[in-house]
Amino acid sequence: MAKALREGQAYAGRRADAAVLNFTLPREAAELLRMYAGGKKLGELVSRLIFAHHERLQERQRVREQMVLVLKDEGE
């Protein structure tokens, strides 16, 4: 029987900074994921997508803050 890992404990043979996640996604998304990054590269592709999404959100926030400053200056 499999035993549960303690919080922060890594799986045997895995990097200490790697996390194992189990999640469900639509079949079409899974097919695309396998098409773009088959085999052991799935995690790498998902990681890159997450980091790219995070960067876009940060840039969007930065632009919004700039727009507020510009609009505030124009109103004065």
N, C-alpha and C. Protein backbone atom coordinates (compact mmCIF):
# COMPACT_ATOMS: atom_id res chain seq x y z
N MET A 1 0.83 -1.18 0.00
CA MET A 1 0.00 0.00 0.00
C MET A 1 0.88 1.25 0.00
N ALA A 2 0.50 2.22 -0.76
CA ALA A 2 1.26 3.46 -0.85
C ALA A 2 1.11 4.26 0.43
N LYS A 3 2.17 4.91 0.82
CA LYS A 3 2.09 5.75 2.01
C LYS A 3 2.09 7.21 1.59
N ALA A 4 1.42 8.01 2.38
CA ALA A 4 1.35 9.44 2.09
C ALA A 4 2.67 10.10 2.45
N LEU A 5 3.07 11.04 1.65
CA LEU A 5 4.29 11.79 1.93
C LEU A 5 3.99 12.90 2.92
N ARG A 6 4.96 13.19 3.75
CA ARG A 6 4.83 14.32 4.66
C ARG A 6 4.93 15.62 3.87
N GLU A 7 4.40 16.68 4.41
CA GLU A 7 4.44 18.00 3.77
C GLU A 7 5.87 18.37 3.43
N GLY A 8 6.13 18.70 2.18
CA GLY A 8 7.45 19.11 1.73
C GLY A 8 8.40 17.97 1.39
N GLN A 9 7.99 16.74 1.63
CA GLN A 9 8.83 15.59 1.32
C GLN A 9 8.75 15.28 -0.18
N ALA A 10 9.90 15.03 -0.80
CA ALA A 10 9.95 14.77 -2.23
C ALA A 10 9.81 13.28 -2.51
N TYR A 11 9.28 12.96 -3.67
CA TYR A 11 9.22 11.57 -4.11
C TYR A 11 10.63 11.06 -4.37
N ALA A 12 10.84 9.78 -4.19
CA ALA A 12 12.15 9.18 -4.43
C ALA A 12 12.53 9.38 -5.89
N GLY A 13 13.75 9.82 -6.12
CA GLY A 13 14.23 10.01 -7.49
C GLY A 13 13.80 11.32 -8.12
N ARG A 14 13.07 12.15 -7.40
CA ARG A 14 12.64 13.45 -7.94
C ARG A 14 13.46 14.57 -7.32
N ARG A 15 13.57 15.65 -8.04
CA ARG A 15 14.26 16.81 -7.52
C ARG A 15 13.54 17.31 -6.27
N ALA A 16 14.28 17.88 -5.35
CA ALA A 16 13.69 18.38 -4.11
C ALA A 16 12.78 19.59 -4.37
N ASP A 17 13.06 20.35 -5.44
CA ASP A 17 12.25 21.53 -5.72
C ASP A 17 11.08 21.24 -6.66
N ALA A 18 10.81 19.96 -6.94
CA ALA A 18 9.71 19.59 -7.83
C ALA A 18 8.49 19.20 -6.99
N ALA A 19 7.32 19.59 -7.46
CA ALA A 19 6.07 19.23 -6.79
C ALA A 19 5.27 18.33 -7.71
N VAL A 20 4.61 17.35 -7.16
CA VAL A 20 3.79 16.44 -7.94
C VAL A 20 2.34 16.86 -7.76
N LEU A 21 1.66 17.10 -8.88
CA LEU A 21 0.26 17.51 -8.85
C LEU A 21 -0.57 16.53 -9.68
N ASN A 22 -1.73 16.22 -9.20
CA ASN A 22 -2.69 15.44 -9.97
C ASN A 22 -3.89 16.33 -10.22
N PHE A 23 -4.28 16.50 -11.47
CA PHE A 23 -5.43 17.33 -11.78
C PHE A 23 -6.12 16.81 -13.03
N THR A 24 -7.33 17.26 -13.22
CA THR A 24 -8.14 16.85 -14.36
C THR A 24 -8.25 18.02 -15.33
N LEU A 25 -8.17 17.73 -16.61
CA LEU A 25 -8.38 18.74 -17.63
C LEU A 25 -9.15 18.10 -18.78
N PRO A 26 -9.77 18.92 -19.61
CA PRO A 26 -10.54 18.37 -20.73
C PRO A 26 -9.67 17.52 -21.66
N ARG A 27 -10.28 16.50 -22.25
CA ARG A 27 -9.54 15.60 -23.15
C ARG A 27 -8.84 16.35 -24.28
N GLU A 28 -9.53 17.32 -24.85
CA GLU A 28 -8.94 18.09 -25.94
C GLU A 28 -7.67 18.81 -25.48
N ALA A 29 -7.72 19.34 -24.27
CA ALA A 29 -6.54 20.02 -23.73
C ALA A 29 -5.42 19.02 -23.49
N ALA A 30 -5.76 17.83 -23.00
CA ALA A 30 -4.74 16.80 -22.78
C ALA A 30 -4.11 16.36 -24.09
N GLU A 31 -4.91 16.25 -25.15
CA GLU A 31 -4.38 15.88 -26.46
C GLU A 31 -3.42 16.94 -26.98
N LEU A 32 -3.79 18.21 -26.81
CA LEU A 32 -2.90 19.29 -27.23
C LEU A 32 -1.62 19.30 -26.41
N LEU A 33 -1.76 19.05 -25.11
CA LEU A 33 -0.59 19.01 -24.25
C LEU A 33 0.37 17.92 -24.71
N ARG A 34 -0.15 16.75 -25.02
CA ARG A 34 0.70 15.66 -25.50
C ARG A 34 1.28 15.97 -26.87
N MET A 35 0.52 16.69 -27.70
CA MET A 35 0.99 17.03 -29.04
C MET A 35 2.18 18.00 -28.95
N TYR A 36 2.08 18.99 -28.07
CA TYR A 36 3.13 20.00 -27.97
C TYR A 36 4.30 19.58 -27.10
N ALA A 37 4.05 18.68 -26.14
CA ALA A 37 5.13 18.28 -25.24
C ALA A 37 4.88 16.85 -24.78
N GLY A 38 5.18 15.92 -25.62
CA GLY A 38 4.96 14.53 -25.25
C GLY A 38 5.98 14.02 -24.25
N GLY A 39 5.68 12.88 -23.67
CA GLY A 39 6.63 12.23 -22.77
C GLY A 39 6.89 13.00 -21.50
N LYS A 40 8.15 13.11 -21.14
CA LYS A 40 8.54 13.72 -19.87
C LYS A 40 8.62 15.24 -19.94
N LYS A 41 8.23 15.84 -21.03
CA LYS A 41 8.31 17.29 -21.17
C LYS A 41 7.00 17.99 -20.81
N LEU A 42 5.99 17.24 -20.40
CA LEU A 42 4.70 17.84 -20.07
C LEU A 42 4.83 18.87 -18.95
N GLY A 43 5.51 18.51 -17.89
CA GLY A 43 5.68 19.42 -16.76
C GLY A 43 6.42 20.68 -17.15
N GLU A 44 7.42 20.52 -18.02
CA GLU A 44 8.19 21.69 -18.47
C GLU A 44 7.30 22.66 -19.24
N LEU A 45 6.46 22.13 -20.13
CA LEU A 45 5.57 23.00 -20.90
C LEU A 45 4.56 23.70 -19.99
N VAL A 46 3.96 22.95 -19.08
CA VAL A 46 2.99 23.55 -18.16
C VAL A 46 3.66 24.62 -17.31
N SER A 47 4.87 24.36 -16.83
CA SER A 47 5.60 25.35 -16.03
C SER A 47 5.85 26.62 -16.83
N ARG A 48 6.28 26.46 -18.07
CA ARG A 48 6.56 27.63 -18.91
C ARG A 48 5.29 28.43 -19.17
N LEU A 49 4.17 27.73 -19.38
CA LEU A 49 2.90 28.42 -19.59
C LEU A 49 2.48 29.20 -18.36
N ILE A 50 2.67 28.61 -17.19
CA ILE A 50 2.31 29.29 -15.94
C ILE A 50 3.15 30.54 -15.74
N PHE A 51 4.46 30.42 -15.95
CA PHE A 51 5.33 31.58 -15.80
C PHE A 51 5.00 32.66 -16.83
N ALA A 52 4.70 32.29 -18.05
CA ALA A 52 4.34 33.27 -19.08
C ALA A 52 3.03 33.96 -18.71
N HIS A 53 2.07 33.21 -18.21
CA HIS A 53 0.79 33.80 -17.78
C HIS A 53 1.02 34.78 -16.63
N HIS A 54 1.85 34.39 -15.69
CA HIS A 54 2.16 35.26 -14.55
C HIS A 54 2.81 36.57 -15.02
N GLU A 55 3.74 36.47 -15.95
CA GLU A 55 4.39 37.67 -16.49
C GLU A 55 3.38 38.58 -17.17
N ARG A 56 2.45 37.99 -17.95
CA ARG A 56 1.42 38.80 -18.61
C ARG A 56 0.55 39.52 -17.60
N LEU A 57 0.19 38.84 -16.52
CA LEU A 57 -0.64 39.48 -15.49
C LEU A 57 0.11 40.61 -14.81
N GLN A 58 1.39 40.40 -14.53
CA GLN A 58 2.20 41.46 -13.92
C GLN A 58 2.33 42.66 -14.85
N GLU A 59 2.54 42.40 -16.13
CA GLU A 59 2.65 43.50 -17.11
C GLU A 59 1.33 44.25 -17.22
N ARG A 60 0.23 43.52 -17.22
CA ARG A 60 -1.09 44.15 -17.28
C ARG A 60 -1.30 45.07 -16.08
N GLN A 61 -0.89 44.60 -14.89
CA GLN A 61 -1.02 45.42 -13.68
C GLN A 61 -0.13 46.65 -13.78
N ARG A 62 1.09 46.49 -14.29
CA ARG A 62 2.00 47.63 -14.44
C ARG A 62 1.41 48.67 -15.39
N VAL A 63 0.84 48.22 -16.50
CA VAL A 63 0.24 49.14 -17.48
C VAL A 63 -0.96 49.86 -16.86
N ARG A 64 -1.78 49.13 -16.11
CA ARG A 64 -2.93 49.78 -15.46
C ARG A 64 -2.48 50.88 -14.51
N GLU A 65 -1.43 50.60 -13.73
CA GLU A 65 -0.92 51.61 -12.81
C GLU A 65 -0.39 52.82 -13.57
N GLN A 66 0.29 52.60 -14.68
CA GLN A 66 0.77 53.71 -15.50
C GLN A 66 -0.38 54.51 -16.07
N MET A 67 -1.44 53.81 -16.52
CA MET A 67 -2.61 54.51 -17.07
C MET A 67 -3.27 55.39 -16.02
N VAL A 68 -3.35 54.91 -14.80
CA VAL A 68 -3.93 55.71 -13.72
C VAL A 68 -3.12 56.97 -13.52
N LEU A 69 -1.80 56.85 -13.52
CA LEU A 69 -0.94 58.03 -13.34
C LEU A 69 -1.10 59.02 -14.50
N VAL A 70 -1.14 58.51 -15.70
CA VAL A 70 -1.25 59.37 -16.88
C VAL A 70 -2.61 60.08 -16.88
N LEU A 71 -3.66 59.35 -16.61
CA LEU A 71 -5.00 59.95 -16.60
C LEU A 71 -5.14 60.95 -15.46
N LYS A 72 -4.50 60.66 -14.35
CA LYS A 72 -4.53 61.58 -13.21
C LYS A 72 -3.82 62.88 -13.57
N ASP A 73 -2.67 62.78 -14.25
CA ASP A 73 -1.91 63.98 -14.66
C ASP A 73 -2.69 64.80 -15.68
N GLU A 74 -3.41 64.14 -16.58
CA GLU A 74 -4.18 64.86 -17.59
C GLU A 74 -5.36 65.58 -16.98
N GLY A 75 -5.90 65.05 -15.89
CA GLY A 75 -7.06 65.65 -15.24
C GLY A 75 -6.71 66.89 -14.43
N GLU A 76 -5.48 67.08 -14.13
CA GLU A 76 -5.07 68.24 -13.31
C GLU A 76 -4.86 69.47 -14.11
